[in-house]
Amino acid sequence: MEIPSRVISISILGETPGITELLTDHLGFFGSRSEVRRAINGKALSINKRKIEDPEHKIDRHDLIAEKFILIESGKKKKFMIIAE
């Protein structure tokens, strides 16, 4: 199974108000900000296998795997890959 991915500029990391805006407005992985908040409130959203509890959580360079990738998971089946360049 191929994981959907999007390429973003590495400069965006840390500049956005939070994960909610990044996953909706910048990447389009979720259809709405409320969908992201529901996933966070339901403890279903994780970054690199680490659960996210704050809808204002910022993704930054410290979240990069191999200085390039970030794995986003919502529940057991919904996975996305961010590729920062």
N, C-alpha and C. Protein backbone atom coordinates (compact mmCIF):
# COMPACT_ATOMS: atom_id res chain seq x y z
N MET A 1 0.84 -1.18 0.00
CA MET A 1 0.00 0.00 0.00
C MET A 1 0.88 1.25 0.00
N GLU A 2 0.57 2.15 -0.89
CA GLU A 2 1.34 3.39 -0.99
C GLU A 2 0.73 4.44 -0.05
N ILE A 3 1.58 5.16 0.65
CA ILE A 3 1.14 6.21 1.56
C ILE A 3 1.07 7.52 0.80
N PRO A 4 -0.08 8.22 0.84
CA PRO A 4 -0.16 9.53 0.19
C PRO A 4 0.87 10.49 0.79
N SER A 5 1.49 11.28 -0.07
CA SER A 5 2.51 12.20 0.43
C SER A 5 2.40 13.55 -0.25
N ARG A 6 2.96 14.55 0.39
CA ARG A 6 3.03 15.90 -0.16
C ARG A 6 4.42 16.46 0.16
N VAL A 7 4.93 17.23 -0.77
CA VAL A 7 6.22 17.90 -0.57
C VAL A 7 5.93 19.33 -0.13
N ILE A 8 6.62 19.76 0.94
CA ILE A 8 6.50 21.14 1.40
C ILE A 8 7.89 21.74 1.55
N SER A 9 7.94 23.04 1.57
CA SER A 9 9.20 23.73 1.82
C SER A 9 9.55 23.56 3.30
N ILE A 10 10.78 23.25 3.58
CA ILE A 10 11.21 23.07 4.97
C ILE A 10 11.03 24.36 5.77
N SER A 11 10.99 25.49 5.09
CA SER A 11 10.82 26.77 5.79
C SER A 11 9.43 26.91 6.40
N ILE A 12 8.43 26.16 5.89
CA ILE A 12 7.07 26.22 6.45
C ILE A 12 7.02 25.63 7.85
N LEU A 13 7.88 24.65 8.11
CA LEU A 13 7.85 23.99 9.42
C LEU A 13 8.15 25.00 10.52
N GLY A 14 7.28 25.07 11.49
CA GLY A 14 7.44 26.00 12.59
C GLY A 14 6.84 27.37 12.34
N GLU A 15 6.54 27.70 11.08
CA GLU A 15 5.96 29.00 10.76
C GLU A 15 4.44 28.99 10.85
N THR A 16 3.82 27.85 10.65
CA THR A 16 2.36 27.78 10.66
C THR A 16 1.84 27.88 12.09
N PRO A 17 0.61 28.36 12.26
CA PRO A 17 0.04 28.47 13.61
C PRO A 17 -0.07 27.14 14.34
N GLY A 18 -0.24 26.04 13.64
CA GLY A 18 -0.33 24.74 14.30
C GLY A 18 -0.58 23.62 13.32
N ILE A 19 -0.60 22.41 13.86
CA ILE A 19 -0.78 21.22 13.04
C ILE A 19 -2.11 21.24 12.30
N THR A 20 -3.13 21.83 12.92
CA THR A 20 -4.45 21.88 12.30
C THR A 20 -4.40 22.61 10.96
N GLU A 21 -3.79 23.79 10.95
CA GLU A 21 -3.68 24.55 9.70
C GLU A 21 -2.77 23.85 8.70
N LEU A 22 -1.69 23.29 9.17
CA LEU A 22 -0.74 22.61 8.27
C LEU A 22 -1.42 21.46 7.54
N LEU A 23 -2.17 20.63 8.26
CA LEU A 23 -2.78 19.44 7.67
C LEU A 23 -3.99 19.74 6.79
N THR A 24 -4.60 20.92 6.97
CA THR A 24 -5.76 21.27 6.14
C THR A 24 -5.38 22.25 5.04
N ASP A 25 -4.92 23.44 5.42
CA ASP A 25 -4.68 24.51 4.46
C ASP A 25 -3.45 24.28 3.58
N HIS A 26 -2.37 23.81 4.17
CA HIS A 26 -1.12 23.67 3.42
C HIS A 26 -1.00 22.32 2.70
N LEU A 27 -1.50 21.26 3.34
CA LEU A 27 -1.29 19.92 2.77
C LEU A 27 -2.54 19.26 2.24
N GLY A 28 -3.70 19.64 2.73
CA GLY A 28 -4.95 19.06 2.25
C GLY A 28 -5.17 17.61 2.65
N PHE A 29 -4.48 17.14 3.68
CA PHE A 29 -4.66 15.76 4.13
C PHE A 29 -6.03 15.56 4.78
N PHE A 30 -6.56 16.62 5.38
CA PHE A 30 -7.88 16.57 6.02
C PHE A 30 -8.77 17.60 5.36
N GLY A 31 -10.07 17.31 5.32
CA GLY A 31 -11.02 18.19 4.66
C GLY A 31 -11.34 19.45 5.43
N SER A 32 -11.20 19.40 6.77
CA SER A 32 -11.54 20.57 7.58
C SER A 32 -10.71 20.58 8.86
N ARG A 33 -10.64 21.76 9.45
CA ARG A 33 -9.91 21.89 10.72
C ARG A 33 -10.63 21.14 11.83
N SER A 34 -11.96 21.10 11.77
CA SER A 34 -12.72 20.38 12.80
C SER A 34 -12.44 18.88 12.73
N GLU A 35 -12.19 18.36 11.54
CA GLU A 35 -11.83 16.95 11.39
C GLU A 35 -10.50 16.65 12.10
N VAL A 36 -9.54 17.56 11.98
CA VAL A 36 -8.25 17.39 12.66
C VAL A 36 -8.45 17.48 14.17
N ARG A 37 -9.23 18.45 14.63
CA ARG A 37 -9.47 18.59 16.07
C ARG A 37 -10.17 17.36 16.65
N ARG A 38 -11.13 16.79 15.90
CA ARG A 38 -11.80 15.56 16.36
C ARG A 38 -10.81 14.41 16.49
N ALA A 39 -9.90 14.30 15.52
CA ALA A 39 -8.88 13.24 15.59
C ALA A 39 -7.98 13.44 16.81
N ILE A 40 -7.60 14.68 17.08
CA ILE A 40 -6.74 14.97 18.24
C ILE A 40 -7.49 14.68 19.53
N ASN A 41 -8.73 15.15 19.64
CA ASN A 41 -9.53 14.91 20.85
C ASN A 41 -9.79 13.43 21.08
N GLY A 42 -9.89 12.66 19.99
CA GLY A 42 -10.11 11.23 20.10
C GLY A 42 -8.82 10.43 20.25
N LYS A 43 -7.71 11.14 20.42
CA LYS A 43 -6.38 10.53 20.56
C LYS A 43 -6.04 9.61 19.39
N ALA A 44 -6.47 10.03 18.20
CA ALA A 44 -6.24 9.24 17.00
C ALA A 44 -5.13 9.79 16.12
N LEU A 45 -4.66 11.02 16.38
CA LEU A 45 -3.66 11.65 15.52
C LEU A 45 -2.27 11.51 16.13
N SER A 46 -1.32 11.07 15.31
CA SER A 46 0.05 10.97 15.79
C SER A 46 1.03 11.43 14.72
N ILE A 47 2.16 11.92 15.20
CA ILE A 47 3.28 12.31 14.35
C ILE A 47 4.42 11.39 14.69
N ASN A 48 4.90 10.66 13.71
CA ASN A 48 6.01 9.72 13.92
C ASN A 48 5.74 8.82 15.12
N LYS A 49 4.50 8.30 15.21
CA LYS A 49 4.06 7.37 16.26
C LYS A 49 3.89 8.02 17.63
N ARG A 50 3.99 9.35 17.72
CA ARG A 50 3.81 10.07 18.99
C ARG A 50 2.45 10.77 18.96
N LYS A 51 1.58 10.45 19.90
CA LYS A 51 0.23 11.02 19.96
C LYS A 51 0.27 12.53 20.14
N ILE A 52 -0.62 13.22 19.43
CA ILE A 52 -0.74 14.67 19.53
C ILE A 52 -1.97 14.98 20.38
N GLU A 53 -1.81 15.84 21.38
CA GLU A 53 -2.90 16.17 22.28
C GLU A 53 -3.33 17.63 22.19
N ASP A 54 -2.53 18.46 21.51
CA ASP A 54 -2.81 19.89 21.42
C ASP A 54 -3.07 20.28 19.96
N PRO A 55 -4.27 20.84 19.65
CA PRO A 55 -4.56 21.23 18.27
C PRO A 55 -3.68 22.38 17.76
N GLU A 56 -2.97 23.04 18.66
CA GLU A 56 -2.05 24.11 18.26
C GLU A 56 -0.60 23.62 18.19
N HIS A 57 -0.39 22.32 18.31
CA HIS A 57 0.96 21.75 18.25
C HIS A 57 1.65 22.20 16.96
N LYS A 58 2.87 22.63 17.07
CA LYS A 58 3.64 23.04 15.88
C LYS A 58 4.56 21.91 15.47
N ILE A 59 4.60 21.68 14.18
CA ILE A 59 5.55 20.72 13.62
C ILE A 59 6.78 21.53 13.23
N ASP A 60 7.96 21.08 13.66
CA ASP A 60 9.17 21.80 13.30
C ASP A 60 10.25 20.81 12.86
N ARG A 61 11.44 21.31 12.65
CA ARG A 61 12.54 20.49 12.14
C ARG A 61 12.89 19.33 13.06
N HIS A 62 12.56 19.43 14.36
CA HIS A 62 12.84 18.35 15.30
C HIS A 62 11.98 17.12 15.02
N ASP A 63 10.87 17.31 14.30
CA ASP A 63 9.98 16.20 13.98
C ASP A 63 10.42 15.43 12.74
N LEU A 64 11.41 15.92 12.04
CA LEU A 64 11.85 15.27 10.80
C LEU A 64 12.59 13.96 11.07
N ILE A 65 12.26 12.96 10.27
CA ILE A 65 12.99 11.69 10.28
C ILE A 65 13.98 11.77 9.13
N ALA A 66 15.23 11.45 9.40
CA ALA A 66 16.29 11.52 8.38
C ALA A 66 16.33 12.91 7.74
N GLU A 67 16.01 13.94 8.53
CA GLU A 67 16.04 15.33 8.11
C GLU A 67 15.16 15.63 6.90
N LYS A 68 14.13 14.78 6.65
CA LYS A 68 13.32 14.99 5.46
C LYS A 68 11.85 14.56 5.59
N PHE A 69 11.55 13.55 6.39
CA PHE A 69 10.21 12.96 6.40
C PHE A 69 9.49 13.13 7.73
N ILE A 70 8.16 13.22 7.66
CA ILE A 70 7.30 13.22 8.84
C ILE A 70 6.12 12.31 8.52
N LEU A 71 5.87 11.32 9.37
CA LEU A 71 4.75 10.40 9.20
C LEU A 71 3.58 10.88 10.05
N ILE A 72 2.43 11.09 9.41
CA ILE A 72 1.21 11.49 10.10
C ILE A 72 0.25 10.31 10.04
N GLU A 73 -0.32 9.94 11.19
CA GLU A 73 -1.30 8.86 11.23
C GLU A 73 -2.56 9.34 11.93
N SER A 74 -3.70 8.99 11.37
CA SER A 74 -4.99 9.28 11.99
C SER A 74 -5.72 7.95 12.08
N GLY A 75 -5.79 7.42 13.29
CA GLY A 75 -6.37 6.09 13.46
C GLY A 75 -5.40 5.03 12.99
N LYS A 76 -5.95 3.86 12.68
CA LYS A 76 -5.10 2.74 12.29
C LYS A 76 -4.83 2.69 10.79
N LYS A 77 -5.72 3.26 9.99
CA LYS A 77 -5.60 3.08 8.54
C LYS A 77 -5.20 4.31 7.74
N LYS A 78 -5.42 5.49 8.28
CA LYS A 78 -5.16 6.73 7.53
C LYS A 78 -3.73 7.19 7.82
N LYS A 79 -2.87 7.15 6.80
CA LYS A 79 -1.47 7.54 6.95
C LYS A 79 -1.09 8.51 5.84
N PHE A 80 -0.23 9.46 6.20
CA PHE A 80 0.27 10.45 5.24
C PHE A 80 1.76 10.67 5.50
N MET A 81 2.48 11.04 4.46
CA MET A 81 3.89 11.34 4.60
C MET A 81 4.13 12.78 4.13
N ILE A 82 4.79 13.55 4.98
CA ILE A 82 5.23 14.90 4.61
C ILE A 82 6.70 14.78 4.22
N ILE A 83 7.04 15.33 3.06
CA ILE A 83 8.42 15.34 2.60
C ILE A 83 8.85 16.80 2.56
N ALA A 84 9.81 17.14 3.41
CA ALA A 84 10.29 18.52 3.50
C ALA A 84 11.56 18.69 2.68
N GLU A 85 11.56 19.68 1.83
CA GLU A 85 12.74 19.95 0.98
C GLU A 85 13.15 21.39 1.09
